[in-house]
N, C-alpha and C. Protein backbone atom coordinates (compact mmCIF):
# COMPACT_ATOMS: atom_id res chain seq x y z
N UNK A 1 -2.72 -8.81 34.85
CA UNK A 1 -0.88 -9.79 34.37
C UNK A 1 -0.99 -10.56 33.19
N UNK A 2 -1.87 -11.17 32.97
CA UNK A 2 -2.16 -12.26 31.70
C UNK A 2 -2.11 -11.46 30.69
N UNK A 3 -2.95 -10.07 30.53
CA UNK A 3 -2.92 -9.14 29.68
C UNK A 3 -1.29 -8.92 29.09
N UNK A 4 -0.54 -8.67 30.37
CA UNK A 4 0.92 -8.21 30.09
C UNK A 4 1.57 -9.23 29.54
N UNK A 5 1.49 -10.22 29.87
CA UNK A 5 2.35 -11.56 29.49
C UNK A 5 1.75 -12.06 27.84
N UNK A 6 0.56 -11.86 27.67
CA UNK A 6 0.38 -11.83 26.32
C UNK A 6 1.12 -10.89 25.44
N UNK A 7 1.05 -9.74 25.53
CA UNK A 7 1.45 -8.67 25.30
C UNK A 7 3.08 -8.58 24.94
N UNK A 8 3.72 -9.33 25.90
CA UNK A 8 5.09 -9.46 25.78
C UNK A 8 5.59 -10.30 25.29
N UNK A 9 4.46 -11.58 25.17
CA UNK A 9 5.35 -12.61 23.91
C UNK A 9 4.64 -12.08 22.66
N UNK A 10 3.55 -11.50 22.67
CA UNK A 10 3.27 -10.51 21.21
C UNK A 10 4.49 -10.17 20.50
N UNK A 11 4.98 -9.37 21.65
CA UNK A 11 6.01 -8.35 21.27
C UNK A 11 7.30 -8.93 20.75
N UNK A 12 7.69 -10.40 21.35
CA UNK A 12 8.30 -10.83 21.06
C UNK A 12 8.89 -11.88 19.51
N UNK A 13 7.52 -12.16 19.92
CA UNK A 13 7.29 -13.04 18.51
C UNK A 13 7.39 -11.90 17.11
N UNK A 14 6.31 -10.75 17.47
CA UNK A 14 6.50 -9.95 16.37
C UNK A 14 7.73 -9.22 16.10
N UNK A 15 8.71 -9.49 17.23
CA UNK A 15 9.86 -9.11 16.61
C UNK A 15 10.69 -9.58 16.02
N UNK A 16 10.80 -11.01 16.30
CA UNK A 16 11.35 -12.17 15.72
C UNK A 16 10.85 -12.41 14.25
N UNK A 17 9.63 -12.02 14.04
CA UNK A 17 9.34 -12.09 13.06
C UNK A 17 9.41 -10.97 11.81
N UNK A 18 9.71 -9.60 12.53
CA UNK A 18 10.07 -8.17 11.82
C UNK A 18 11.16 -8.62 11.58
N UNK A 19 12.07 -9.39 12.12
CA UNK A 19 14.16 -9.45 11.53
C UNK A 19 13.79 -10.25 10.50
N UNK A 20 12.86 -11.44 10.51
CA UNK A 20 13.21 -12.08 9.69
C UNK A 20 12.51 -11.83 8.33
N UNK A 21 11.62 -11.03 7.91
CA UNK A 21 10.95 -9.89 6.96
C UNK A 21 12.11 -9.00 6.53
N UNK A 22 13.10 -8.64 7.42
CA UNK A 22 13.61 -7.76 7.20
C UNK A 22 15.04 -8.33 6.36
N UNK A 23 15.56 -9.26 7.78
CA UNK A 23 17.06 -9.20 7.42
C UNK A 23 17.64 -10.57 6.18
N UNK A 24 16.20 -11.62 5.95
CA UNK A 24 16.60 -12.81 5.33
C UNK A 24 16.48 -12.23 3.91
N UNK A 25 15.51 -11.70 3.05
CA UNK A 25 15.37 -11.03 2.27
C UNK A 25 16.46 -9.98 1.36
N UNK A 26 16.78 -9.20 2.66
CA UNK A 26 18.29 -8.45 2.28
C UNK A 26 19.36 -9.00 2.19
N UNK A 27 19.63 -10.09 2.61
CA UNK A 27 20.39 -11.39 2.74
C UNK A 27 22.17 -10.54 3.53
N UNK A 28 21.86 -9.67 4.15
CA UNK A 28 22.78 -9.05 5.71
C UNK A 28 22.25 -8.58 6.64
N UNK A 29 23.31 -8.72 7.61
CA UNK A 29 22.64 -7.71 9.06
C UNK A 29 23.13 -6.37 8.50
N UNK A 30 24.06 -6.36 7.46
CA UNK A 30 24.68 -4.89 7.60
C UNK A 30 23.36 -3.75 6.60
N UNK A 31 22.50 -3.79 7.53
CA UNK A 31 21.19 -2.97 6.77
C UNK A 31 21.08 -2.13 7.92
N UNK A 32 21.54 -0.99 7.97
CA UNK A 32 21.25 0.22 8.96
C UNK A 32 19.76 0.96 8.76
N UNK A 33 19.25 0.74 7.70
CA UNK A 33 18.02 1.33 7.62
C UNK A 33 16.97 0.17 8.37
N UNK A 34 17.08 -1.34 8.15
CA UNK A 34 16.32 -2.44 8.57
C UNK A 34 16.52 -1.99 9.96
N UNK A 35 17.83 -2.03 10.76
CA UNK A 35 17.82 -1.87 12.28
C UNK A 35 17.14 -0.58 12.54
N UNK A 36 17.11 0.62 12.06
CA UNK A 36 16.30 1.40 12.78
C UNK A 36 15.23 1.51 12.60
N UNK A 37 15.00 0.91 11.33
CA UNK A 37 13.31 0.56 11.46
C UNK A 37 12.70 -0.07 12.27
N UNK A 38 13.54 -1.63 12.15
CA UNK A 38 12.78 -2.23 13.79
C UNK A 38 12.84 -1.34 14.93
N UNK A 39 13.90 -0.75 15.33
CA UNK A 39 13.81 0.23 16.38
C UNK A 39 12.81 1.00 17.06
N UNK A 40 12.60 2.00 15.53
CA UNK A 40 11.48 2.79 15.31
C UNK A 40 10.18 1.89 15.33
N UNK A 41 9.77 1.25 15.05
CA UNK A 41 8.46 0.14 15.09
C UNK A 41 8.11 -0.71 16.37
N UNK A 42 9.22 -0.95 17.01
CA UNK A 42 9.26 -1.30 18.37
C UNK A 42 8.89 -0.60 19.13
N UNK A 43 9.65 0.78 19.26
CA UNK A 43 9.37 1.63 20.39
C UNK A 43 8.12 2.61 20.14
N UNK A 44 7.52 2.82 19.24
CA UNK A 44 5.95 2.82 18.86
C UNK A 44 5.28 2.40 18.99
N UNK A 45 5.10 0.85 19.26
CA UNK A 45 4.51 0.10 19.69
C UNK A 45 4.25 -0.36 20.81
N UNK A 46 5.45 -0.23 21.40
CA UNK A 46 5.82 -0.79 22.94
C UNK A 46 5.77 0.09 24.01
N UNK A 47 5.96 1.33 24.00
CA UNK A 47 5.75 2.17 24.72
C UNK A 47 4.15 2.30 24.91
N UNK A 48 3.32 2.76 24.18
CA UNK A 48 2.07 2.82 23.97
C UNK A 48 0.91 1.59 24.60
N UNK A 49 1.79 0.50 24.45
CA UNK A 49 1.20 -0.34 25.11
C UNK A 49 1.24 -0.61 26.34
N UNK A 50 2.72 -0.13 26.86
CA UNK A 50 2.62 -0.35 28.02
C UNK A 50 1.78 0.63 28.98
N UNK A 51 1.46 1.99 28.35
CA UNK A 51 0.66 2.58 28.85
C UNK A 51 -1.05 2.39 28.91
N UNK A 52 -1.41 1.78 28.08
CA UNK A 52 -2.48 1.52 27.88
C UNK A 52 -2.77 -0.09 28.98
N UNK A 53 -1.70 -0.57 29.13
CA UNK A 53 -1.48 -2.13 30.14
C UNK A 53 -2.16 -1.38 31.27
N UNK A 54 -1.34 -0.21 32.13
CA UNK A 54 -1.40 0.70 32.96
C UNK A 54 -2.76 1.12 33.18
N UNK A 55 -3.25 1.61 32.10
CA UNK A 55 -4.73 2.80 31.95
C UNK A 55 -5.90 2.05 32.10
N UNK A 56 -5.86 1.05 30.59
CA UNK A 56 -7.01 0.46 29.94
C UNK A 56 -6.67 -0.62 29.23
N UNK A 57 -6.52 -1.69 30.12
CA UNK A 57 -5.89 -3.02 29.74
C UNK A 57 -6.97 -3.77 28.77
N UNK A 58 -8.55 -3.35 28.85
CA UNK A 58 -9.43 -3.60 28.08
C UNK A 58 -9.20 -3.34 26.78
N UNK A 59 -8.82 -2.20 26.33
CA UNK A 59 -8.35 -1.46 25.20
C UNK A 59 -7.12 -2.04 24.52
N UNK A 60 -6.19 -2.42 25.32
CA UNK A 60 -5.18 -2.94 24.49
C UNK A 60 -5.91 -4.76 24.18
N UNK A 61 -6.59 -5.24 25.38
CA UNK A 61 -6.68 -6.85 25.01
C UNK A 61 -7.44 -6.56 23.49
N UNK A 62 -8.32 -5.32 23.21
CA UNK A 62 -9.09 -5.46 21.76
C UNK A 62 -8.01 -5.51 20.87
N UNK A 63 -7.39 -4.36 21.31
CA UNK A 63 -5.78 -4.35 20.21
C UNK A 63 -5.13 -5.70 19.54
N UNK A 64 -5.27 -6.68 20.42
CA UNK A 64 -4.46 -7.75 20.07
C UNK A 64 -5.57 -8.31 19.65
N UNK A 65 -6.69 -8.55 19.29
CA UNK A 65 -7.71 -9.09 19.07
C UNK A 65 -7.69 -8.66 17.68
N UNK A 66 -6.78 -9.41 16.70
CA UNK A 66 -6.97 -8.96 15.27
C UNK A 66 -6.47 -10.04 14.40
N UNK A 67 -6.78 -9.71 13.04
CA UNK A 67 -6.37 -10.79 12.16
C UNK A 67 -7.28 -11.34 11.47
N UNK A 68 -7.45 -12.03 10.38
CA UNK A 68 -8.32 -12.64 9.35
C UNK A 68 -9.20 -13.58 10.56
N UNK A 69 -8.88 -14.31 11.33
CA UNK A 69 -9.59 -15.51 12.03
C UNK A 69 -10.21 -14.88 13.24
N UNK A 70 -10.04 -13.27 13.56
CA UNK A 70 -10.90 -12.34 14.48
C UNK A 70 -12.17 -11.81 13.88
N UNK A 71 -11.82 -11.32 12.74
CA UNK A 71 -12.90 -10.92 11.77
C UNK A 71 -14.29 -11.90 11.66
N UNK A 72 -15.71 -11.48 12.13
CA UNK A 72 -16.79 -12.01 11.79
C UNK A 72 -17.45 -11.61 10.68
N UNK A 73 -16.79 -11.00 10.14
CA UNK A 73 -17.91 -10.48 8.95
C UNK A 73 -16.83 -11.10 7.62
N UNK A 74 -17.32 -11.50 6.42
CA UNK A 74 -16.58 -12.24 5.66
C UNK A 74 -15.63 -11.42 4.44
N UNK A 75 -16.43 -10.54 4.03
CA UNK A 75 -15.83 -9.40 3.43
C UNK A 75 -14.44 -8.88 4.07
N UNK A 76 -14.97 -8.47 5.58
CA UNK A 76 -13.88 -8.19 6.33
C UNK A 76 -12.52 -9.28 6.64
N UNK A 77 -12.91 -9.98 6.54
CA UNK A 77 -11.44 -11.48 6.53
C UNK A 77 -10.95 -11.20 5.15
N UNK A 78 -11.52 -10.96 4.11
CA UNK A 78 -10.58 -11.05 2.48
C UNK A 78 -10.03 -9.87 2.69
N UNK A 79 -10.44 -8.39 3.45
CA UNK A 79 -9.89 -7.01 3.63
C UNK A 79 -8.90 -7.16 4.29
N UNK A 80 -8.64 -7.87 5.56
CA UNK A 80 -7.81 -7.78 6.46
C UNK A 80 -6.64 -8.74 5.95
N UNK A 81 -7.22 -9.93 5.42
CA UNK A 81 -6.09 -10.66 4.55
C UNK A 81 -4.87 -9.81 3.90
N UNK A 82 -5.79 -9.00 3.16
CA UNK A 82 -5.14 -7.88 1.81
C UNK A 82 -4.34 -7.42 3.24
N UNK A 83 -5.01 -6.92 3.22
CA UNK A 83 -3.83 -5.53 4.16
C UNK A 83 -2.87 -6.08 4.90
N UNK A 84 -2.87 -7.22 5.24
CA UNK A 84 -1.48 -7.90 5.89
C UNK A 84 -0.59 -8.29 4.58
N UNK A 85 -1.30 -9.12 3.69
CA UNK A 85 -0.22 -9.15 2.67
C UNK A 85 0.40 -8.14 1.99
N UNK A 86 -0.34 -6.71 1.90
CA UNK A 86 0.02 -5.78 1.13
C UNK A 86 1.28 -5.32 2.23
N UNK A 87 1.04 -5.33 3.19
CA UNK A 87 2.15 -4.58 4.49
C UNK A 87 3.44 -5.78 4.25
N UNK A 88 2.91 -7.05 4.28
CA UNK A 88 4.16 -7.66 4.59
C UNK A 88 5.03 -7.33 2.64
N UNK A 89 4.23 -7.86 1.82
CA UNK A 89 4.90 -7.55 0.72
C UNK A 89 5.74 -6.21 0.75
N UNK A 90 5.40 -5.22 1.12
CA UNK A 90 5.97 -3.62 1.38
C UNK A 90 7.22 -4.18 1.42
N UNK A 91 7.34 -4.48 3.06
CA UNK A 91 8.63 -4.89 3.69
C UNK A 91 9.31 -5.42 3.35
N UNK A 92 9.30 -6.84 2.67
CA UNK A 92 10.14 -7.93 2.16
C UNK A 92 10.45 -7.35 0.98
N UNK A 93 9.82 -6.30 -0.01
CA UNK A 93 10.33 -5.82 -1.33
C UNK A 93 11.18 -5.11 -1.03
N UNK A 94 11.00 -4.18 -0.11
CA UNK A 94 11.90 -2.63 0.10
C UNK A 94 12.99 -3.80 0.61
N UNK A 95 13.03 -4.92 1.33
CA UNK A 95 14.41 -5.38 2.15
C UNK A 95 15.22 -6.00 0.50
N UNK A 96 14.18 -6.43 -0.26
CA UNK A 96 15.10 -7.20 -1.41
C UNK A 96 15.55 -6.00 -2.30
N UNK A 97 14.96 -5.05 -2.48
CA UNK A 97 15.37 -3.71 -3.23
C UNK A 97 17.04 -2.84 -2.82
N UNK A 98 16.95 -3.36 -1.17
CA UNK A 98 18.35 -2.72 -0.64
C UNK A 98 19.22 -3.99 -1.00
N UNK A 99 18.95 -5.20 -1.16
CA UNK A 99 19.98 -6.17 -1.49
C UNK A 99 20.28 -5.87 -2.98
N UNK A 100 19.27 -5.81 -3.91
CA UNK A 100 19.48 -5.55 -5.42
C UNK A 100 20.26 -4.21 -5.67
N UNK A 101 19.57 -3.47 -4.63
CA UNK A 101 20.69 -2.06 -5.12
C UNK A 101 19.17 -1.56 -6.53
N UNK A 102 18.40 -1.33 -6.22
CA UNK A 102 17.64 -1.13 -6.98
C UNK A 102 17.19 0.59 -6.89
N UNK A 103 17.51 1.04 -5.80
CA UNK A 103 17.22 2.24 -5.37
C UNK A 103 17.92 2.94 -4.80
N UNK A 104 18.21 4.14 -5.14
CA UNK A 104 19.62 4.99 -4.16
C UNK A 104 18.71 6.07 -3.32
N UNK A 105 18.50 5.61 -2.34
CA UNK A 105 17.87 6.39 -1.07
C UNK A 105 18.63 7.14 -0.19
N UNK A 106 18.67 8.56 -0.31
CA UNK A 106 19.66 9.24 1.08
C UNK A 106 19.08 8.93 2.49
N UNK A 107 20.12 9.11 2.81
CA UNK A 107 20.00 8.57 4.19
C UNK A 107 18.96 9.32 4.93
N UNK A 108 19.00 10.89 4.45
CA UNK A 108 17.83 11.65 5.53
C UNK A 108 16.48 11.12 4.97
N UNK A 109 16.23 10.75 3.56
CA UNK A 109 14.84 10.22 3.07
C UNK A 109 14.25 8.96 4.34
N UNK A 110 15.25 8.26 4.27
CA UNK A 110 15.06 6.96 5.12
C UNK A 110 14.71 7.31 6.69
N UNK A 111 15.33 8.45 7.13
CA UNK A 111 15.41 8.84 8.69
C UNK A 111 14.06 9.41 8.75
N UNK A 112 13.17 10.41 7.43
CA UNK A 112 12.16 10.81 7.26
C UNK A 112 10.77 9.64 7.25
N UNK A 113 11.54 8.27 6.54
CA UNK A 113 10.51 7.53 6.50
C UNK A 113 10.34 7.21 8.05
N UNK A 114 11.42 6.85 8.72
CA UNK A 114 11.00 6.56 10.12
C UNK A 114 10.35 7.46 10.94
N UNK A 115 10.19 8.60 10.65
CA UNK A 115 9.74 9.66 11.21
C UNK A 115 8.14 9.29 11.04
N UNK A 116 7.76 8.88 9.50
CA UNK A 116 6.62 8.97 9.32
C UNK A 116 5.87 7.42 10.08
N UNK A 117 6.77 6.51 10.18
CA UNK A 117 6.38 5.44 10.74
C UNK A 117 6.03 5.65 12.44
N UNK A 118 6.92 6.47 12.89
CA UNK A 118 6.55 6.50 14.27
C UNK A 118 5.30 7.44 14.15
N UNK A 119 4.77 8.66 13.56
CA UNK A 119 3.95 9.43 13.30
C UNK A 119 2.72 8.48 13.22
N UNK A 120 2.31 7.59 12.52
CA UNK A 120 1.55 7.12 12.07
C UNK A 120 0.91 6.10 13.06
N UNK A 121 1.79 5.16 13.40
CA UNK A 121 1.66 4.49 14.97
C UNK A 121 1.28 5.46 16.08
N UNK A 122 1.91 6.55 15.91
CA UNK A 122 1.75 7.18 17.23
C UNK A 122 -0.17 7.72 17.25
N UNK A 123 -0.18 8.09 15.93
CA UNK A 123 -1.58 8.31 15.55
C UNK A 123 -2.83 7.21 15.78
N UNK A 124 -2.13 6.27 15.36
CA UNK A 124 -3.17 5.07 15.72
C UNK A 124 -3.45 4.50 17.23
N UNK A 125 -2.17 4.92 18.01
CA UNK A 125 -2.26 4.60 19.55
C UNK A 125 -2.98 5.56 20.01
N UNK A 126 -2.90 6.88 19.60
CA UNK A 126 -3.75 7.95 20.24
C UNK A 126 -5.20 7.80 20.19
N UNK A 127 -5.40 7.04 19.04
CA UNK A 127 -6.80 7.07 18.83
C UNK A 127 -7.38 5.69 19.92
N UNK A 128 -6.57 4.85 20.07
CA UNK A 128 -7.02 3.68 20.90
C UNK A 128 -7.30 4.50 22.43
N UNK A 129 -6.38 5.06 22.81
CA UNK A 129 -6.32 5.93 23.89
C UNK A 129 -7.62 6.60 24.29
N UNK A 130 -8.24 7.46 22.97
CA UNK A 130 -9.01 8.42 23.22
C UNK A 130 -10.24 7.46 22.64
N UNK A 131 -10.20 6.35 22.38
CA UNK A 131 -11.27 5.45 22.10
C UNK A 131 -10.79 4.19 22.20
N UNK A 132 -11.40 3.60 23.60
CA UNK A 132 -11.38 1.82 24.09
C UNK A 132 -11.76 1.62 22.91
N UNK A 133 -12.74 1.52 22.36
CA UNK A 133 -13.43 0.22 21.74
C UNK A 133 -12.96 0.81 20.23
N UNK A 134 -11.86 1.06 20.18
CA UNK A 134 -10.80 0.86 18.57
C UNK A 134 -10.28 -0.10 18.51
N UNK A 135 -11.29 -1.21 18.53
CA UNK A 135 -10.63 -2.52 18.18
C UNK A 135 -10.00 -2.61 16.80
N UNK A 136 -9.22 -3.99 16.78
CA UNK A 136 -8.44 -4.24 15.50
C UNK A 136 -9.43 -4.93 14.58
N UNK A 137 -10.55 -5.39 15.04
CA UNK A 137 -11.58 -5.90 13.86
C UNK A 137 -12.99 -5.27 13.73
N UNK A 138 -13.39 -5.23 13.23
CA UNK A 138 -15.08 -4.14 12.56
C UNK A 138 -15.65 -5.37 13.54
N UNK A 139 -16.31 -4.55 14.71
CA UNK A 139 -17.34 -4.99 15.38
C UNK A 139 -17.86 -4.04 16.57
N UNK A 140 -19.05 -4.18 17.04
CA UNK A 140 -19.99 -3.43 17.89
C UNK A 140 -20.12 -3.98 18.77
N UNK A 141 -19.54 -3.80 19.72
CA UNK A 141 -19.69 -4.68 21.47
C UNK A 141 -20.95 -4.23 22.24
N UNK A 142 -21.55 -4.95 23.00
CA UNK A 142 -22.51 -4.24 23.81
C UNK A 142 -22.32 -3.38 24.76
N UNK A 143 -23.00 -2.29 24.76
CA UNK A 143 -22.48 -0.98 25.80
C UNK A 143 -22.19 -0.52 24.92
N UNK A 144 -21.33 -0.71 23.80
CA UNK A 144 -20.43 0.60 23.23
C UNK A 144 -21.07 1.99 22.85
N UNK A 145 -20.07 2.81 23.35
CA UNK A 145 -21.17 3.88 22.87
C UNK A 145 -20.05 4.69 21.96
N UNK A 146 -20.71 5.98 21.40
CA UNK A 146 -19.89 6.36 20.22
C UNK A 146 -19.17 7.62 20.85
N UNK A 147 -17.99 7.77 20.16
CA UNK A 147 -16.49 8.96 20.40
C UNK A 147 -17.17 9.43 19.28
N UNK A 148 -16.60 11.02 20.06
CA UNK A 148 -16.57 12.07 18.89
C UNK A 148 -15.69 13.33 18.78
N UNK A 149 -15.10 13.02 19.93
CA UNK A 149 -14.24 13.98 20.41
C UNK A 149 -13.00 13.57 19.99
N UNK A 150 -11.72 14.19 20.51
CA UNK A 150 -10.37 14.09 20.26
C UNK A 150 -10.69 14.44 18.59
N UNK A 151 -9.42 13.37 18.11
CA UNK A 151 -9.28 13.35 16.62
C UNK A 151 -10.28 12.79 15.82
N UNK A 152 -11.43 12.27 16.59
CA UNK A 152 -12.61 12.00 15.85
C UNK A 152 -13.69 13.10 15.49
N UNK A 153 -13.22 14.37 16.43
CA UNK A 153 -14.11 15.65 15.82
C UNK A 153 -13.65 15.67 14.55
N UNK A 154 -12.51 15.27 13.67
CA UNK A 154 -12.00 16.13 12.63
C UNK A 154 -12.21 14.90 11.22
N UNK A 155 -11.99 13.84 11.67
CA UNK A 155 -12.15 12.68 10.40
C UNK A 155 -12.68 11.52 11.26
N UNK A 156 -13.82 10.80 10.51
CA UNK A 156 -14.40 9.71 11.26
C UNK A 156 -13.58 8.49 11.16
N UNK A 157 -12.30 8.36 11.05
CA UNK A 157 -11.53 7.53 10.55
C UNK A 157 -10.12 7.60 11.24
N UNK A 158 -10.00 8.16 12.22
CA UNK A 158 -8.50 8.72 12.77
C UNK A 158 -7.37 7.44 12.53
N UNK A 159 -7.63 6.26 13.13
CA UNK A 159 -6.90 5.42 12.79
C UNK A 159 -6.17 4.92 11.75
N UNK A 160 -7.32 5.07 10.64
CA UNK A 160 -6.95 4.73 9.45
C UNK A 160 -6.11 5.53 8.57
N UNK A 161 -6.25 7.08 9.48
CA UNK A 161 -5.25 8.51 8.92
C UNK A 161 -3.91 7.86 9.19
N UNK A 162 -3.67 7.19 10.53
CA UNK A 162 -2.22 6.83 10.95
C UNK A 162 -1.60 6.01 10.48
N UNK A 163 -2.45 4.83 9.53
CA UNK A 163 -2.36 3.66 8.96
C UNK A 163 -1.85 4.44 7.34
N UNK A 164 -2.31 5.60 6.59
CA UNK A 164 -2.29 6.21 5.57
C UNK A 164 -0.43 6.80 5.66
N UNK A 165 -0.25 7.55 7.05
CA UNK A 165 0.91 7.58 7.09
C UNK A 165 1.70 6.77 7.32
N UNK A 166 1.67 5.44 7.85
CA UNK A 166 2.55 4.59 8.15
C UNK A 166 3.15 3.68 6.86
N UNK A 167 2.12 3.86 5.75
CA UNK A 167 2.36 3.00 4.57
C UNK A 167 3.23 3.63 3.63
N UNK A 168 3.39 4.78 3.43
CA UNK A 168 4.72 5.59 2.40
C UNK A 168 6.05 5.52 3.66
N UNK A 169 5.80 5.43 4.71
CA UNK A 169 6.89 5.53 5.97
C UNK A 169 7.96 4.13 5.81
N UNK A 170 7.08 2.95 5.65
CA UNK A 170 7.76 2.05 5.41
C UNK A 170 8.83 1.60 4.62
N UNK A 171 8.71 2.02 3.08
CA UNK A 171 9.71 1.64 2.19
C UNK A 171 10.69 2.69 2.09
N UNK A 172 10.15 3.77 2.69
CA UNK A 172 11.42 4.97 2.74
C UNK A 172 12.24 4.93 3.45
N UNK A 173 11.70 4.38 4.93
CA UNK A 173 12.37 3.94 5.81
C UNK A 173 13.54 2.85 5.51
N UNK A 174 13.06 2.05 5.04
CA UNK A 174 14.00 0.62 4.24
C UNK A 174 14.74 1.15 3.53
N UNK A 175 14.83 2.51 2.67
CA UNK A 175 15.98 2.44 1.42
C UNK A 175 15.36 2.29 0.31
N UNK A 176 13.80 2.28 -0.06
CA UNK A 176 12.99 1.50 -1.08
C UNK A 176 12.15 2.79 -1.74
N UNK A 177 12.27 3.19 -3.25
CA UNK A 177 11.89 3.70 -3.60
C UNK A 177 10.15 2.78 -4.49
N UNK A 178 10.98 1.73 -5.14
CA UNK A 178 10.18 0.81 -5.36
C UNK A 178 9.05 0.02 -4.55
N UNK A 179 9.27 0.33 -3.51
CA UNK A 179 8.27 -0.22 -2.30
C UNK A 179 7.04 0.45 -2.22
N UNK A 180 7.26 1.91 -3.02
CA UNK A 180 6.11 2.78 -2.71
C UNK A 180 4.82 2.35 -3.49
N UNK A 181 5.16 1.42 -4.43
CA UNK A 181 4.13 0.73 -5.29
C UNK A 181 2.94 0.03 -4.37
N UNK A 182 3.16 -0.57 -3.50
CA UNK A 182 2.35 -1.12 -2.54
C UNK A 182 1.43 -0.09 -1.54
N UNK A 183 1.66 1.38 -1.92
CA UNK A 183 0.53 2.05 -1.49
C UNK A 183 -0.68 2.05 -2.48
N UNK A 184 -0.71 1.52 -3.55
CA UNK A 184 -1.80 1.35 -4.37
C UNK A 184 -2.97 0.69 -3.88
N UNK A 185 -2.27 -0.47 -3.78
CA UNK A 185 -3.32 -1.88 -3.54
C UNK A 185 -3.76 -1.52 -1.76
N UNK A 186 -2.66 -0.87 -0.77
CA UNK A 186 -2.89 -0.44 0.45
C UNK A 186 -3.84 0.62 1.05
N UNK A 187 -4.22 1.36 -0.13
CA UNK A 187 -5.02 2.45 -0.18
C UNK A 187 -6.53 1.91 -0.59
N UNK A 188 -6.60 0.59 -1.55
CA UNK A 188 -7.65 0.36 -2.13
C UNK A 188 -8.34 -0.65 -1.05
N UNK A 189 -7.45 -1.49 -0.28
CA UNK A 189 -8.06 -2.12 0.97
C UNK A 189 -8.68 -1.41 2.04
N UNK A 190 -7.81 -0.36 2.46
CA UNK A 190 -8.71 0.68 3.26
C UNK A 190 -9.95 1.12 3.16
N UNK A 191 -9.87 1.58 1.58
CA UNK A 191 -11.21 1.99 1.14
C UNK A 191 -12.35 1.27 1.46
N UNK A 192 -12.33 0.03 0.74
CA UNK A 192 -12.76 -0.84 1.27
C UNK A 192 -13.40 -1.55 2.74
N UNK A 193 -12.45 -1.29 3.57
CA UNK A 193 -12.78 -1.78 5.02
C UNK A 193 -13.59 -0.58 5.14
N UNK A 194 -13.20 0.59 5.16
CA UNK A 194 -14.16 1.35 6.03
C UNK A 194 -15.24 1.86 5.21
N UNK A 195 -15.77 1.49 3.74
CA UNK A 195 -17.24 1.31 3.72
C UNK A 195 -17.54 0.51 4.68
N UNK A 196 -17.30 -0.80 4.27
CA UNK A 196 -17.59 -1.76 5.05
C UNK A 196 -18.10 -1.74 6.48
N UNK A 197 -17.11 -1.21 6.99
CA UNK A 197 -17.23 -0.60 8.30
C UNK A 197 -18.21 0.19 8.87
N UNK A 198 -18.43 1.18 8.04
CA UNK A 198 -19.48 2.08 8.18
C UNK A 198 -20.91 1.77 8.10
N UNK A 199 -21.03 1.12 7.17
CA UNK A 199 -21.99 -0.24 7.19
C UNK A 199 -22.89 -0.53 8.43
N UNK A 200 -22.04 -0.76 8.81
CA UNK A 200 -21.94 -1.80 10.42
C UNK A 200 -22.24 -1.06 11.33
N UNK A 201 -21.57 -0.06 11.40
CA UNK A 201 -21.46 1.34 12.44
C UNK A 201 -22.96 2.18 11.90
N UNK A 202 -23.57 2.52 11.10
CA UNK A 202 -24.56 3.17 10.94
C UNK A 202 -25.66 2.37 11.33
N UNK A 203 -25.42 0.95 11.30
CA UNK A 203 -26.82 0.56 11.44
C UNK A 203 -26.78 -0.51 12.81
N UNK A 204 -25.89 -0.60 13.49
CA UNK A 204 -25.56 -0.84 14.97
C UNK A 204 -25.43 0.20 15.89
N UNK A 205 -24.50 0.97 15.70
CA UNK A 205 -24.23 2.18 16.85
C UNK A 205 -24.99 3.02 16.94
N UNK A 206 -25.87 3.23 18.04
CA UNK A 206 -26.31 4.46 18.39
C UNK A 206 -25.62 5.70 18.12
N UNK A 207 -26.05 6.50 17.49
CA UNK A 207 -25.89 7.75 17.08
C UNK A 207 -24.81 7.98 16.10
N UNK A 208 -24.59 6.78 15.14
CA UNK A 208 -23.25 7.35 14.42
C UNK A 208 -23.90 7.70 13.03
N UNK A 209 -25.38 7.80 12.72
CA UNK A 209 -25.86 8.38 11.25
C UNK A 209 -25.70 9.49 11.65
N UNK A 210 -26.18 10.11 12.74
CA UNK A 210 -25.98 11.83 13.14
C UNK A 210 -24.42 12.35 13.07
N UNK A 211 -23.48 11.55 13.87
CA UNK A 211 -22.10 11.59 13.58
C UNK A 211 -21.53 11.73 12.50
N UNK A 212 -22.21 10.55 11.40
CA UNK A 212 -21.55 11.15 9.98
C UNK A 212 -22.28 12.25 9.40
N UNK A 213 -23.42 13.00 9.43
CA UNK A 213 -23.65 14.07 9.36
C UNK A 213 -22.37 15.25 10.18
N UNK A 214 -22.42 15.31 11.18
CA UNK A 214 -21.74 16.13 11.82
C UNK A 214 -20.06 16.37 11.36
N UNK A 215 -19.73 15.26 11.18
CA UNK A 215 -18.22 14.72 10.59
C UNK A 215 -18.19 14.13 9.18
N UNK A 216 -18.04 15.06 8.32
CA UNK A 216 -18.53 14.55 6.77
C UNK A 216 -17.34 13.97 6.03
N UNK A 217 -16.18 14.18 6.72
CA UNK A 217 -15.01 13.49 5.92
C UNK A 217 -14.38 11.97 6.86
N UNK A 218 -14.45 10.92 6.34
CA UNK A 218 -13.59 10.15 6.28
C UNK A 218 -11.88 10.02 6.90
N UNK A 219 -11.40 10.12 5.94
CA UNK A 219 -9.61 10.34 6.37
C UNK A 219 -9.24 11.57 6.11
N UNK A 220 -9.50 12.25 5.35
CA UNK A 220 -8.88 13.53 4.98
C UNK A 220 -9.82 14.93 4.60
N UNK A 221 -9.65 15.66 5.65
CA UNK A 221 -10.70 16.82 5.23
C UNK A 221 -11.09 17.53 4.14
N UNK A 222 -12.14 17.46 3.40
CA UNK A 222 -12.56 18.33 2.36
C UNK A 222 -11.92 17.78 1.09
N UNK A 223 -11.58 16.11 1.44
CA UNK A 223 -11.36 15.27 0.13
C UNK A 223 -12.29 14.20 0.30
N UNK A 224 -12.02 13.01 1.16
CA UNK A 224 -13.01 12.14 1.32
C UNK A 224 -12.69 11.70 2.90
């Protein structure tokens, strides 16, 4: 029950924060792309969280322990701070783009962006369902075991694949082409996070070195 209350409170505060990020820089509530994005984001995070609360509350707790203060590795504190800043900037800048009218994005492209947002978040939550140790922080817990089934059979970091799908979806959903510029720092941040995370996993998680030999690609098969 305590986990459920924390999750509910986090959702409420997160929704309020998202509203400020969207409608304050947009300068209006008459922003259907912002409402559609907020609804998509809320549904794609709340429904899987309810499922985890019922089936694996420990996994949900790990997902809620995130952010720079939760990271124990200095490099990850910098990386996750940069990741949050990039995500925040992408949302706010896209809303400003709407206000200023810099982009002319067709409605169907915004709907496609919402589809990417839902897919990216869905992939990330599916990873948590398949691997209860998929935390929001880079760490290896006592008794943690290697997961190599499900999405992990294809790439070593499927959760970050979800993030890669999510990132272009955000500005498109919000009706901004210029917001796609934040893809560049977003990808760089993820590459740095993955490289540091793999050094930790190879050193501390039993079987991970062998897993790296079996599954050769981190994010995209035959590319990287």
